[in-house]
Amino acid sequence: MRFARLVDGALEATVVGSFTSIGPRVRRRLDDWTPLGDIGLAGRTVVLTGVTSGLGLAAARQLAANGAHVHGLGRSPEKLAAVADEFRERGWPFSSGVADLADLDDVEAFATDVASRFERIDALVHNAGALVSEVTTTPQGLELTTAVHLVSPFVLTRRLAPLLGAADDARVIWVTSGGMYTAPLDVEAVTSVPPADGFDGVTRYAQLKRAQVELLSRWADALPEATTHAMHPGWADTPGVVESLPTFHRIMGPLLRTPEEGADTLSWLVAAPEPARDPGRLWLDRRPRSTHRLASTRRSVTDAAVSQLWDWCSAFAAPQS
């Protein structure tokens, strides 16, 4: 155990060793990981956003292969149909709903549809994401990255809380990013629409991922119906990385994790017993991790700032009249 902790700590300190494919390949042996196939999910329903490609599709396959009914959210009817065809051929239960997380009206409609289909859900996974190069506003006047990563998942969690409460061991999982380690919590920035001039989509993405993680501390009290976690997948070779970070992908390509390696901890968090005993944590490769690497980001997180962000998000999730 001590040797495993030392090696794991050394990997984590290097960043590259931790975040690339080196991390899971070493840690799988160090910690003698339980194969995902041994974690039974028969009879469980998992709502998963961003299900048509990358980490979301890899996780959907892992979960469905273990017996879960995956209900996916995606923007493209054609891509959702392709996933449905694949899962049907494999004998895996799958259903879906079309929604754009950039539009809160779509989110509300999706939540209503889920409530009409299921008596309970056992896990809600917030995986969908967006990294954009220019400022885009949503129909509700939000900056798109803020809507997709923060407000819409917040509203969806609130709306589906009764269904989570109907499950015996519900989980809510936020897929974040190691990029958040570079970003302080900046409530004013993430709650406003930035000027188009000088907009940096990568910085914005990291700020929203930081915001996701810092709200974990509030979900435990606000959502007693479920155990809430965040995880980051390390650096995985996904279509989103190819499109949004082509230079990074070109340089790091040989070392990037496969989508399956990136999604492993996500799928493990859905039903493994260990996370239920250690809620409200950030995970990588099946171990809880610190949410900070820099003193500057740690100093940015105050009770007042987290409360301000929580209250701002809650206003969008107020009961509909």
C-alpha atoms as a PDB file:
ATOM      1  CA  MET A   1       0.000   0.000   0.000  1.00  0.00           C
ATOM      2  CA  ARG A   2       2.761   2.449   0.912  1.00  0.00           C
ATOM      3  CA  PHE A   3       4.614   1.648  -2.322  1.00  0.00           C
ATOM      4  CA  ALA A   4       1.430   2.197  -4.313  1.00  0.00           C
ATOM      5  CA  ARG A   5       0.873   5.579  -2.654  1.00  0.00           C
ATOM      6  CA  LEU A   6       4.451   6.648  -3.369  1.00  0.00           C
ATOM      7  CA  VAL A   7       4.256   5.685  -7.049  1.00  0.00           C
ATOM      8  CA  ASP A   8       0.829   7.269  -7.421  1.00  0.00           C
ATOM      9  CA  GLY A   9       2.088  10.467  -5.789  1.00  0.00           C
ATOM     10  CA  ALA A  10       5.093  10.568  -8.088  1.00  0.00           C
ATOM     11  CA  LEU A  11       2.844  10.223 -11.119  1.00  0.00           C
ATOM     12  CA  GLU A  12       0.541  12.960  -9.845  1.00  0.00           C
ATOM     13  CA  ALA A  13       3.473  15.315  -9.281  1.00  0.00           C
ATOM     14  CA  THR A  14       4.654  14.995 -12.871  1.00  0.00           C
ATOM     15  CA  VAL A  15       1.243  15.867 -14.384  1.00  0.00           C
ATOM     16  CA  VAL A  16       2.230  14.253 -17.692  1.00  0.00           C
ATOM     17  CA  GLY A  17       2.684  10.893 -16.010  1.00  0.00           C
ATOM     18  CA  SER A  18      -0.640  11.285 -14.259  1.00  0.00           C
ATOM     19  CA  PHE A  19      -2.838  12.743 -16.986  1.00  0.00           C
ATOM     20  CA  THR A  20      -1.640  10.708 -19.983  1.00  0.00           C
ATOM     21  CA  SER A  21      -2.180   7.011 -20.688  1.00  0.00           C
ATOM     22  CA  ILE A  22       0.744   6.247 -18.389  1.00  0.00           C
ATOM     23  CA  GLY A  23      -1.476   7.014 -15.391  1.00  0.00           C
ATOM     24  CA  PRO A  24      -4.218   4.395 -15.754  1.00  0.00           C
ATOM     25  CA  ARG A  25      -1.864   1.739 -17.090  1.00  0.00           C
ATOM     26  CA  VAL A  26       0.356   1.978 -14.016  1.00  0.00           C
ATOM     27  CA  ARG A  27      -2.394   2.589 -11.464  1.00  0.00           C
ATOM     28  CA  ARG A  28      -4.497  -0.315 -12.695  1.00  0.00           C
ATOM     29  CA  ARG A  29      -1.730  -2.630 -11.546  1.00  0.00           C
ATOM     30  CA  LEU A  30      -0.799  -0.690  -8.421  1.00  0.00           C
ATOM     31  CA  ASP A  31      -4.336  -0.700  -7.043  1.00  0.00           C
ATOM     32  CA  ASP A  32      -5.489  -3.997  -8.577  1.00  0.00           C
ATOM     33  CA  TRP A  33      -8.546  -2.364 -10.111  1.00  0.00           C
ATOM     34  CA  THR A  34     -11.788  -4.299 -10.095  1.00  0.00           C
ATOM     35  CA  PRO A  35     -12.700  -4.838 -13.760  1.00  0.00           C
ATOM     36  CA  LEU A  36     -15.657  -2.721 -14.783  1.00  0.00           C
ATOM     37  CA  GLY A  37     -17.329  -5.885 -16.012  1.00  0.00           C
ATOM     38  CA  ASP A  38     -17.483  -7.145 -12.424  1.00  0.00           C
ATOM     39  CA  ILE A  39     -19.553  -4.158 -11.263  1.00  0.00           C
ATOM     40  CA  GLY A  40     -23.116  -5.210 -11.974  1.00  0.00           C
ATOM     41  CA  LEU A  41     -25.553  -2.559 -13.176  1.00  0.00           C
ATOM     42  CA  ALA A  42     -28.537  -4.687 -14.108  1.00  0.00           C
ATOM     43  CA  GLY A  43     -31.785  -2.816 -13.477  1.00  0.00           C
ATOM     44  CA  ARG A  44     -30.100   0.587 -13.089  1.00  0.00           C
ATOM     45  CA  THR A  45     -30.942   3.605 -15.194  1.00  0.00           C
ATOM     46  CA  VAL A  46     -28.246   6.140 -16.044  1.00  0.00           C
ATOM     47  CA  VAL A  47     -28.970   9.511 -17.655  1.00  0.00           C
ATOM     48  CA  LEU A  48     -25.853  10.586 -19.538  1.00  0.00           C
ATOM     49  CA  THR A  49     -25.328  13.844 -21.423  1.00  0.00           C
ATOM     50  CA  GLY A  50     -23.030  14.121 -24.429  1.00  0.00           C
ATOM     51  CA  VAL A  51     -23.569  10.473 -25.286  1.00  0.00           C
ATOM     52  CA  THR A  52     -22.799  10.411 -29.014  1.00  0.00           C
ATOM     53  CA  SER A  53     -18.992  10.612 -29.065  1.00  0.00           C
ATOM     54  CA  GLY A  54     -15.783  10.687 -27.056  1.00  0.00           C
ATOM     55  CA  LEU A  55     -15.920  10.008 -23.331  1.00  0.00           C
ATOM     56  CA  GLY A  56     -19.712   9.952 -23.289  1.00  0.00           C
ATOM     57  CA  LEU A  57     -19.971   7.209 -25.882  1.00  0.00           C
ATOM     58  CA  ALA A  58     -17.180   5.207 -24.253  1.00  0.00           C
ATOM     59  CA  ALA A  59     -18.913   5.458 -20.869  1.00  0.00           C
ATOM     60  CA  ALA A  60     -22.290   4.562 -22.376  1.00  0.00           C
ATOM     61  CA  ARG A  61     -20.785   1.405 -23.851  1.00  0.00           C
ATOM     62  CA  GLN A  62     -19.117   0.483 -20.559  1.00  0.00           C
ATOM     63  CA  LEU A  63     -22.294   1.039 -18.545  1.00  0.00           C
ATOM     64  CA  ALA A  64     -24.611  -0.709 -20.990  1.00  0.00           C
ATOM     65  CA  ALA A  65     -22.288  -3.704 -21.264  1.00  0.00           C
ATOM     66  CA  ASN A  66     -22.701  -4.073 -17.493  1.00  0.00           C
ATOM     67  CA  GLY A  67     -26.466  -4.100 -17.741  1.00  0.00           C
ATOM     68  CA  ALA A  68     -27.452  -0.454 -17.223  1.00  0.00           C
ATOM     69  CA  HIS A  69     -30.218   1.194 -19.198  1.00  0.00           C
ATOM     70  CA  VAL A  70     -28.524   4.285 -20.625  1.00  0.00           C
ATOM     71  CA  HIS A  71     -30.746   7.245 -21.462  1.00  0.00           C
ATOM     72  CA  GLY A  72     -28.628   9.641 -23.475  1.00  0.00           C
ATOM     73  CA  LEU A  73     -28.876  13.330 -24.213  1.00  0.00           C
ATOM     74  CA  GLY A  74     -27.485  14.634 -27.475  1.00  0.00           C
ATOM     75  CA  ARG A  75     -27.999  17.473 -29.932  1.00  0.00           C
ATOM     76  CA  SER A  76     -28.077  15.416 -33.129  1.00  0.00           C
ATOM     77  CA  PRO A  77     -31.005  13.060 -33.847  1.00  0.00           C
ATOM     78  CA  GLU A  78     -28.883  11.339 -36.487  1.00  0.00           C
ATOM     79  CA  LYS A  79     -25.989  10.632 -34.112  1.00  0.00           C
ATOM     80  CA  LEU A  80     -28.369   9.453 -31.385  1.00  0.00           C
ATOM     81  CA  ALA A  81     -29.994   7.100 -33.891  1.00  0.00           C
ATOM     82  CA  ALA A  82     -26.575   5.685 -34.778  1.00  0.00           C
ATOM     83  CA  VAL A  83     -25.853   4.982 -31.106  1.00  0.00           C
ATOM     84  CA  ALA A  84     -29.279   3.403 -30.703  1.00  0.00           C
ATOM     85  CA  ASP A  85     -28.632   1.135 -33.700  1.00  0.00           C
ATOM     86  CA  GLU A  86     -25.273   0.009 -32.288  1.00  0.00           C
ATOM     87  CA  PHE A  87     -26.709  -0.707 -28.857  1.00  0.00           C
ATOM     88  CA  ARG A  88     -29.684  -2.550 -30.306  1.00  0.00           C
ATOM     89  CA  GLU A  89     -27.355  -4.815 -32.283  1.00  0.00           C
ATOM     90  CA  ARG A  90     -25.488  -5.604 -29.083  1.00  0.00           C
ATOM     91  CA  GLY A  91     -28.649  -6.219 -27.089  1.00  0.00           C
ATOM     92  CA  TRP A  92     -28.044  -3.265 -24.796  1.00  0.00           C
ATOM     93  CA  PRO A  93     -30.949  -1.147 -23.489  1.00  0.00           C
ATOM     94  CA  PHE A  94     -30.775   2.440 -24.717  1.00  0.00           C
ATOM     95  CA  SER A  95     -33.093   5.385 -25.099  1.00  0.00           C
ATOM     96  CA  SER A  96     -32.454   9.052 -25.725  1.00  0.00           C
ATOM     97  CA  GLY A  97     -33.737  12.585 -25.963  1.00  0.00           C
ATOM     98  CA  VAL A  98     -32.657  15.432 -28.220  1.00  0.00           C
ATOM     99  CA  ALA A  99     -31.659  18.604 -26.379  1.00  0.00           C
ATOM    100  CA  ASP A 100     -29.148  21.428 -26.620  1.00  0.00           C
ATOM    101  CA  LEU A 101     -27.680  22.373 -23.260  1.00  0.00           C
ATOM    102  CA  ALA A 102     -27.170  25.881 -24.614  1.00  0.00           C
ATOM    103  CA  ASP A 103     -30.938  26.379 -24.391  1.00  0.00           C
ATOM    104  CA  LEU A 104     -32.639  26.112 -21.000  1.00  0.00           C
ATOM    105  CA  ASP A 105     -35.991  25.498 -22.698  1.00  0.00           C
ATOM    106  CA  ASP A 106     -34.497  22.325 -24.186  1.00  0.00           C
ATOM    107  CA  VAL A 107     -33.205  21.321 -20.759  1.00  0.00           C
ATOM    108  CA  GLU A 108     -36.628  21.762 -19.189  1.00  0.00           C
ATOM    109  CA  ALA A 109     -38.255  19.742 -21.972  1.00  0.00           C
ATOM    110  CA  PHE A 110     -35.674  16.979 -21.630  1.00  0.00           C
ATOM    111  CA  ALA A 111     -36.224  16.774 -17.850  1.00  0.00           C
ATOM    112  CA  THR A 112     -39.981  16.598 -18.342  1.00  0.00           C
ATOM    113  CA  ASP A 113     -39.558  13.801 -20.871  1.00  0.00           C
ATOM    114  CA  VAL A 114     -37.269  11.828 -18.529  1.00  0.00           C
ATOM    115  CA  ALA A 115     -39.830  12.151 -15.726  1.00  0.00           C
ATOM    116  CA  SER A 116     -42.510  10.779 -18.040  1.00  0.00           C
ATOM    117  CA  ARG A 117     -40.382   7.769 -18.987  1.00  0.00           C
ATOM    118  CA  PHE A 118     -38.851   6.641 -15.698  1.00  0.00           C
ATOM    119  CA  GLU A 119     -39.975   6.181 -12.107  1.00  0.00           C
ATOM    120  CA  ARG A 120     -36.416   6.608 -10.889  1.00  0.00           C
ATOM    121  CA  ILE A 121     -32.887   7.200 -12.138  1.00  0.00           C
ATOM    122  CA  ASP A 122     -29.857   5.722 -10.432  1.00  0.00           C
ATOM    123  CA  ALA A 123     -27.221   8.042 -11.855  1.00  0.00           C
ATOM    124  CA  LEU A 124     -27.062  11.383 -13.620  1.00  0.00           C
ATOM    125  CA  VAL A 125     -23.805  12.054 -15.467  1.00  0.00           C
ATOM    126  CA  HIS A 126     -22.994  15.586 -16.641  1.00  0.00           C
ATOM    127  CA  ASN A 127     -20.532  14.841 -19.419  1.00  0.00           C
ATOM    128  CA  ALA A 128     -21.478  17.152 -22.305  1.00  0.00           C
ATOM    129  CA  GLY A 129     -19.137  20.052 -22.873  1.00  0.00           C
ATOM    130  CA  ALA A 130     -18.159  22.850 -25.212  1.00  0.00           C
ATOM    131  CA  LEU A 131     -14.917  24.710 -25.839  1.00  0.00           C
ATOM    132  CA  VAL A 132     -15.566  27.609 -28.209  1.00  0.00           C
ATOM    133  CA  SER A 133     -13.286  30.139 -29.847  1.00  0.00           C
ATOM    134  CA  GLU A 134     -15.649  33.112 -29.872  1.00  0.00           C
ATOM    135  CA  VAL A 135     -18.331  34.573 -27.659  1.00  0.00           C
ATOM    136  CA  THR A 136     -21.759  33.109 -28.292  1.00  0.00           C
ATOM    137  CA  THR A 137     -24.864  33.942 -26.310  1.00  0.00           C
ATOM    138  CA  THR A 138     -27.720  31.542 -25.675  1.00  0.00           C
ATOM    139  CA  PRO A 139     -31.468  32.239 -26.016  1.00  0.00           C
ATOM    140  CA  GLN A 140     -31.484  33.102 -22.313  1.00  0.00           C
ATOM    141  CA  GLY A 141     -28.627  35.595 -22.698  1.00  0.00           C
ATOM    142  CA  LEU A 142     -25.909  33.433 -21.139  1.00  0.00           C
ATOM    143  CA  GLU A 143     -22.451  32.893 -22.554  1.00  0.00           C
ATOM    144  CA  LEU A 144     -22.543  29.452 -24.168  1.00  0.00           C
ATOM    145  CA  THR A 145     -19.769  27.827 -22.093  1.00  0.00           C
ATOM    146  CA  THR A 146     -21.459  28.943 -18.888  1.00  0.00           C
ATOM    147  CA  ALA A 147     -24.796  27.559 -20.029  1.00  0.00           C
ATOM    148  CA  VAL A 148     -23.449  24.172 -21.119  1.00  0.00           C
ATOM    149  CA  HIS A 149     -21.073  23.483 -18.232  1.00  0.00           C
ATOM    150  CA  LEU A 150     -22.757  25.147 -15.289  1.00  0.00           C
ATOM    151  CA  VAL A 151     -26.307  26.445 -15.551  1.00  0.00           C
ATOM    152  CA  SER A 152     -27.954  23.705 -17.607  1.00  0.00           C
ATOM    153  CA  PRO A 153     -26.445  20.830 -15.581  1.00  0.00           C
ATOM    154  CA  PHE A 154     -27.453  22.654 -12.395  1.00  0.00           C
ATOM    155  CA  VAL A 155     -31.042  23.020 -13.608  1.00  0.00           C
ATOM    156  CA  LEU A 156     -31.182  19.432 -14.854  1.00  0.00           C
ATOM    157  CA  THR A 157     -29.992  18.127 -11.494  1.00  0.00           C
ATOM    158  CA  ARG A 158     -32.654  20.126  -9.692  1.00  0.00           C
ATOM    159  CA  ARG A 159     -35.396  18.951 -12.028  1.00  0.00           C
ATOM    160  CA  LEU A 160     -34.409  15.286 -11.758  1.00  0.00           C
ATOM    161  CA  ALA A 161     -33.896  15.306  -7.973  1.00  0.00           C
ATOM    162  CA  PRO A 162     -37.232  13.529  -7.293  1.00  0.00           C
ATOM    163  CA  LEU A 163     -36.231  10.667  -9.608  1.00  0.00           C
ATOM    164  CA  LEU A 164     -32.838  10.433  -7.940  1.00  0.00           C
ATOM    165  CA  GLY A 165     -34.610  10.339  -4.590  1.00  0.00           C
ATOM    166  CA  ALA A 166     -36.568   7.286  -5.717  1.00  0.00           C
ATOM    167  CA  ALA A 167     -33.335   5.269  -6.114  1.00  0.00           C
ATOM    168  CA  ASP A 168     -31.602   3.463  -3.258  1.00  0.00           C
ATOM    169  CA  ASP A 169     -28.077   4.650  -4.046  1.00  0.00           C
ATOM    170  CA  ALA A 170     -28.238   7.511  -6.539  1.00  0.00           C
ATOM    171  CA  ARG A 171     -25.123   9.199  -7.899  1.00  0.00           C
ATOM    172  CA  VAL A 172     -24.579  12.526  -9.668  1.00  0.00           C
ATOM    173  CA  ILE A 173     -21.269  12.834 -11.492  1.00  0.00           C
ATOM    174  CA  TRP A 174     -19.753  15.951 -13.020  1.00  0.00           C
ATOM    175  CA  VAL A 175     -17.102  15.370 -15.680  1.00  0.00           C
ATOM    176  CA  THR A 176     -14.617  18.182 -15.240  1.00  0.00           C
ATOM    177  CA  SER A 177     -11.123  18.773 -16.629  1.00  0.00           C
ATOM    178  CA  GLY A 178      -7.579  18.945 -15.356  1.00  0.00           C
ATOM    179  CA  GLY A 179      -7.520  22.375 -16.979  1.00  0.00           C
ATOM    180  CA  MET A 180      -9.381  23.709 -13.959  1.00  0.00           C
ATOM    181  CA  TYR A 181      -6.154  23.459 -11.951  1.00  0.00           C
ATOM    182  CA  THR A 182      -4.918  26.611 -13.711  1.00  0.00           C
ATOM    183  CA  ALA A 183      -8.059  28.640 -13.026  1.00  0.00           C
ATOM    184  CA  PRO A 184      -9.144  30.516  -9.899  1.00  0.00           C
ATOM    185  CA  LEU A 185     -12.797  30.766  -8.965  1.00  0.00           C
ATOM    186  CA  ASP A 186     -13.931  33.970 -10.677  1.00  0.00           C
ATOM    187  CA  VAL A 187     -17.647  34.369 -10.068  1.00  0.00           C
ATOM    188  CA  GLU A 188     -17.934  37.678 -11.882  1.00  0.00           C
ATOM    189  CA  ALA A 189     -16.295  36.228 -14.983  1.00  0.00           C
ATOM    190  CA  VAL A 190     -18.357  33.046 -15.267  1.00  0.00           C
ATOM    191  CA  THR A 191     -21.681  34.745 -14.567  1.00  0.00           C
ATOM    192  CA  SER A 192     -21.249  37.464 -17.177  1.00  0.00           C
ATOM    193  CA  VAL A 193     -20.964  37.572 -20.962  1.00  0.00           C
ATOM    194  CA  PRO A 194     -17.380  38.553 -21.767  1.00  0.00           C
ATOM    195  CA  PRO A 195     -16.463  41.058 -24.467  1.00  0.00           C
ATOM    196  CA  ALA A 196     -15.771  39.497 -27.850  1.00  0.00           C
ATOM    197  CA  ASP A 197     -12.430  41.265 -28.110  1.00  0.00           C
ATOM    198  CA  GLY A 198      -9.692  39.170 -26.539  1.00  0.00           C
ATOM    199  CA  PHE A 199     -11.945  36.215 -25.664  1.00  0.00           C
ATOM    200  CA  ASP A 200      -9.965  33.089 -24.767  1.00  0.00           C
ATOM    201  CA  GLY A 201     -12.089  29.962 -25.003  1.00  0.00           C
ATOM    202  CA  VAL A 202      -9.540  27.750 -23.241  1.00  0.00           C
ATOM    203  CA  THR A 203      -9.413  30.073 -20.230  1.00  0.00           C
ATOM    204  CA  ARG A 204     -13.184  30.290 -20.155  1.00  0.00           C
ATOM    205  CA  TYR A 205     -13.474  26.508 -20.255  1.00  0.00           C
ATOM    206  CA  ALA A 206     -11.052  26.150 -17.337  1.00  0.00           C
ATOM    207  CA  GLN A 207     -12.969  28.765 -15.314  1.00  0.00           C
ATOM    208  CA  LEU A 208     -16.226  26.859 -15.752  1.00  0.00           C
ATOM    209  CA  LYS A 209     -14.615  23.583 -14.794  1.00  0.00           C
ATOM    210  CA  ARG A 210     -13.314  25.252 -11.635  1.00  0.00           C
ATOM    211  CA  ALA A 211     -16.828  26.497 -10.887  1.00  0.00           C
ATOM    212  CA  GLN A 212     -18.266  22.985 -11.280  1.00  0.00           C
ATOM    213  CA  VAL A 213     -15.834  21.549  -8.755  1.00  0.00           C
ATOM    214  CA  GLU A 214     -16.277  24.282  -6.165  1.00  0.00           C
ATOM    215  CA  LEU A 215     -20.043  23.744  -6.041  1.00  0.00           C
ATOM    216  CA  LEU A 216     -19.533  20.131  -4.955  1.00  0.00           C
ATOM    217  CA  SER A 217     -19.421  21.266  -1.336  1.00  0.00           C
ATOM    218  CA  ARG A 218     -22.983  22.581  -1.602  1.00  0.00           C
ATOM    219  CA  TRP A 219     -24.614  19.622  -3.302  1.00  0.00           C
ATOM    220  CA  ALA A 220     -24.252  17.342  -0.279  1.00  0.00           C
ATOM    221  CA  ASP A 221     -26.755  19.445   1.683  1.00  0.00           C
ATOM    222  CA  ALA A 222     -28.859  20.553  -1.270  1.00  0.00           C
ATOM    223  CA  LEU A 223     -29.231  17.079  -2.756  1.00  0.00           C
ATOM    224  CA  PRO A 224     -29.402  14.481   0.026  1.00  0.00           C
ATOM    225  CA  GLU A 225     -31.107  12.204  -2.498  1.00  0.00           C
ATOM    226  CA  ALA A 226     -27.769  11.397  -4.134  1.00  0.00           C
ATOM    227  CA  THR A 227     -24.025  11.135  -3.678  1.00  0.00           C
ATOM    228  CA  THR A 228     -22.302  13.785  -5.797  1.00  0.00           C
ATOM    229  CA  HIS A 229     -18.816  13.507  -7.289  1.00  0.00           C
ATOM    230  CA  ALA A 230     -16.617  15.141  -9.894  1.00  0.00           C
ATOM    231  CA  MET A 231     -13.993  13.391 -11.962  1.00  0.00           C
ATOM    232  CA  HIS A 232     -11.512  14.463 -14.544  1.00  0.00           C
ATOM    233  CA  PRO A 233     -10.512  12.014 -17.270  1.00  0.00           C
ATOM    234  CA  GLY A 234      -6.926  13.119 -17.755  1.00  0.00           C
ATOM    235  CA  TRP A 235      -5.864  13.863 -21.312  1.00  0.00           C
ATOM    236  CA  ALA A 236      -7.920  11.661 -23.621  1.00  0.00           C
ATOM    237  CA  ASP A 237      -7.923  11.359 -27.411  1.00  0.00           C
ATOM    238  CA  THR A 238     -11.456  12.498 -28.231  1.00  0.00           C
ATOM    239  CA  PRO A 239     -13.035  14.338 -31.170  1.00  0.00           C
ATOM    240  CA  GLY A 240     -13.450  17.381 -28.929  1.00  0.00           C
ATOM    241  CA  VAL A 241      -9.706  17.554 -28.273  1.00  0.00           C
ATOM    242  CA  VAL A 242      -8.909  17.122 -31.959  1.00  0.00           C
ATOM    243  CA  GLU A 243     -11.271  19.947 -32.896  1.00  0.00           C
ATOM    244  CA  SER A 244     -10.650  22.392 -30.064  1.00  0.00           C
ATOM    245  CA  LEU A 245      -6.966  21.798 -29.263  1.00  0.00           C
ATOM    246  CA  PRO A 246      -5.314  20.632 -32.492  1.00  0.00           C
ATOM    247  CA  THR A 247      -1.780  21.690 -31.531  1.00  0.00           C
ATOM    248  CA  PHE A 248      -2.013  19.957 -28.155  1.00  0.00           C
ATOM    249  CA  HIS A 249      -3.387  16.860 -29.874  1.00  0.00           C
ATOM    250  CA  ARG A 250      -0.584  16.832 -32.427  1.00  0.00           C
ATOM    251  CA  ILE A 251       2.129  17.114 -29.762  1.00  0.00           C
ATOM    252  CA  MET A 252       0.660  14.797 -27.123  1.00  0.00           C
ATOM    253  CA  GLY A 253      -1.140  12.374 -29.443  1.00  0.00           C
ATOM    254  CA  PRO A 254       0.979   9.262 -28.777  1.00  0.00           C
ATOM    255  CA  LEU A 255       0.561   9.667 -25.013  1.00  0.00           C
ATOM    256  CA  LEU A 256      -3.126  10.528 -24.869  1.00  0.00           C
ATOM    257  CA  ARG A 257      -5.509   8.155 -23.120  1.00  0.00           C
ATOM    258  CA  THR A 258      -8.031   6.221 -25.133  1.00  0.00           C
ATOM    259  CA  PRO A 259     -11.632   7.331 -24.590  1.00  0.00           C
ATOM    260  CA  GLU A 260     -12.153   4.095 -22.652  1.00  0.00           C
ATOM    261  CA  GLU A 261      -9.262   4.897 -20.307  1.00  0.00           C
ATOM    262  CA  GLY A 262     -10.595   8.414 -19.832  1.00  0.00           C
ATOM    263  CA  ALA A 263     -14.111   7.154 -19.081  1.00  0.00           C
ATOM    264  CA  ASP A 264     -13.120   4.359 -16.701  1.00  0.00           C
ATOM    265  CA  THR A 265     -13.416   6.359 -13.479  1.00  0.00           C
ATOM    266  CA  LEU A 266     -16.688   7.887 -14.639  1.00  0.00           C
ATOM    267  CA  SER A 267     -18.217   4.426 -15.126  1.00  0.00           C
ATOM    268  CA  TRP A 268     -16.687   3.181 -11.877  1.00  0.00           C
ATOM    269  CA  LEU A 269     -18.202   6.093  -9.940  1.00  0.00           C
ATOM    270  CA  VAL A 270     -21.698   5.174 -11.135  1.00  0.00           C
ATOM    271  CA  ALA A 271     -21.951   2.056  -9.008  1.00  0.00           C
ATOM    272  CA  ALA A 272     -18.747   1.004  -7.233  1.00  0.00           C
ATOM    273  CA  PRO A 273     -19.129   0.879  -3.418  1.00  0.00           C
ATOM    274  CA  GLU A 274     -16.043   2.964  -2.575  1.00  0.00           C
ATOM    275  CA  PRO A 275     -17.338   6.371  -3.816  1.00  0.00           C
ATOM    276  CA  ALA A 276     -20.452   6.096  -1.642  1.00  0.00           C
ATOM    277  CA  ARG A 277     -18.179   6.082   1.406  1.00  0.00           C
ATOM    278  CA  ASP A 278     -16.260   9.199   0.320  1.00  0.00           C
ATOM    279  CA  PRO A 279     -18.729  11.650  -1.278  1.00  0.00           C
ATOM    280  CA  GLY A 280     -18.187  15.121  -2.646  1.00  0.00           C
ATOM    281  CA  ARG A 281     -14.697  14.478  -3.970  1.00  0.00           C
ATOM    282  CA  LEU A 282     -12.766  15.035  -7.185  1.00  0.00           C
ATOM    283  CA  TRP A 283     -11.497  11.763  -8.658  1.00  0.00           C
ATOM    284  CA  LEU A 284      -8.887  10.673 -11.184  1.00  0.00           C
ATOM    285  CA  ASP A 285      -8.057   7.039 -11.869  1.00  0.00           C
ATOM    286  CA  ARG A 286     -10.293   5.792  -9.051  1.00  0.00           C
ATOM    287  CA  ARG A 287      -8.582   7.859  -6.344  1.00  0.00           C
ATOM    288  CA  PRO A 288      -9.760  11.103  -4.738  1.00  0.00           C
ATOM    289  CA  ARG A 289      -7.557  14.050  -5.674  1.00  0.00           C
ATOM    290  CA  SER A 290      -6.876  17.528  -4.414  1.00  0.00           C
ATOM    291  CA  THR A 291      -8.937  20.221  -6.110  1.00  0.00           C
ATOM    292  CA  HIS A 292      -5.968  22.618  -6.116  1.00  0.00           C
ATOM    293  CA  ARG A 293      -2.372  22.559  -7.276  1.00  0.00           C
ATOM    294  CA  LEU A 294      -1.690  26.282  -6.974  1.00  0.00           C
ATOM    295  CA  ALA A 295      -1.934  28.546  -3.937  1.00  0.00           C
ATOM    296  CA  SER A 296      -3.497  31.261  -6.096  1.00  0.00           C
ATOM    297  CA  THR A 297      -6.501  29.122  -7.017  1.00  0.00           C
ATOM    298  CA  ARG A 298      -6.939  27.983  -3.422  1.00  0.00           C
ATOM    299  CA  ARG A 299      -7.045  31.601  -2.221  1.00  0.00           C
ATOM    300  CA  SER A 300      -9.782  32.405  -4.731  1.00  0.00           C
ATOM    301  CA  VAL A 301     -12.238  29.994  -3.134  1.00  0.00           C
ATOM    302  CA  THR A 302     -14.118  31.582  -0.248  1.00  0.00           C
ATOM    303  CA  ASP A 303     -17.462  30.736   1.324  1.00  0.00           C
ATOM    304  CA  ALA A 304     -18.812  34.051   0.070  1.00  0.00           C
ATOM    305  CA  ALA A 305     -17.752  33.370  -3.518  1.00  0.00           C
ATOM    306  CA  VAL A 306     -19.181  29.849  -3.536  1.00  0.00           C
ATOM    307  CA  SER A 307     -22.452  31.104  -2.014  1.00  0.00           C
ATOM    308  CA  GLN A 308     -22.693  33.844  -4.617  1.00  0.00           C
ATOM    309  CA  LEU A 309     -22.204  31.346  -7.428  1.00  0.00           C
ATOM    310  CA  TRP A 310     -24.682  28.892  -5.919  1.00  0.00           C
ATOM    311  CA  ASP A 311     -27.349  31.562  -5.517  1.00  0.00           C
ATOM    312  CA  TRP A 312     -26.845  32.758  -9.084  1.00  0.00           C
ATOM    313  CA  CYS A 313     -27.285  29.238 -10.478  1.00  0.00           C
ATOM    314  CA  SER A 314     -30.271  28.599  -8.199  1.00  0.00           C
ATOM    315  CA  ALA A 315     -32.151  31.502  -9.723  1.00  0.00           C
ATOM    316  CA  PHE A 316     -32.263  29.632 -13.044  1.00  0.00           C
ATOM    317  CA  ALA A 317     -33.551  26.521 -11.287  1.00  0.00           C
ATOM    318  CA  ALA A 318     -36.391  28.257  -9.439  1.00  0.00           C
ATOM    319  CA  PRO A 319     -39.701  26.387  -9.710  1.00  0.00           C
ATOM    320  CA  GLN A 320     -41.561  27.184 -12.877  1.00  0.00           C
ATOM    321  CA  SER A 321     -44.829  29.035 -12.517  1.00  0.00           C
END
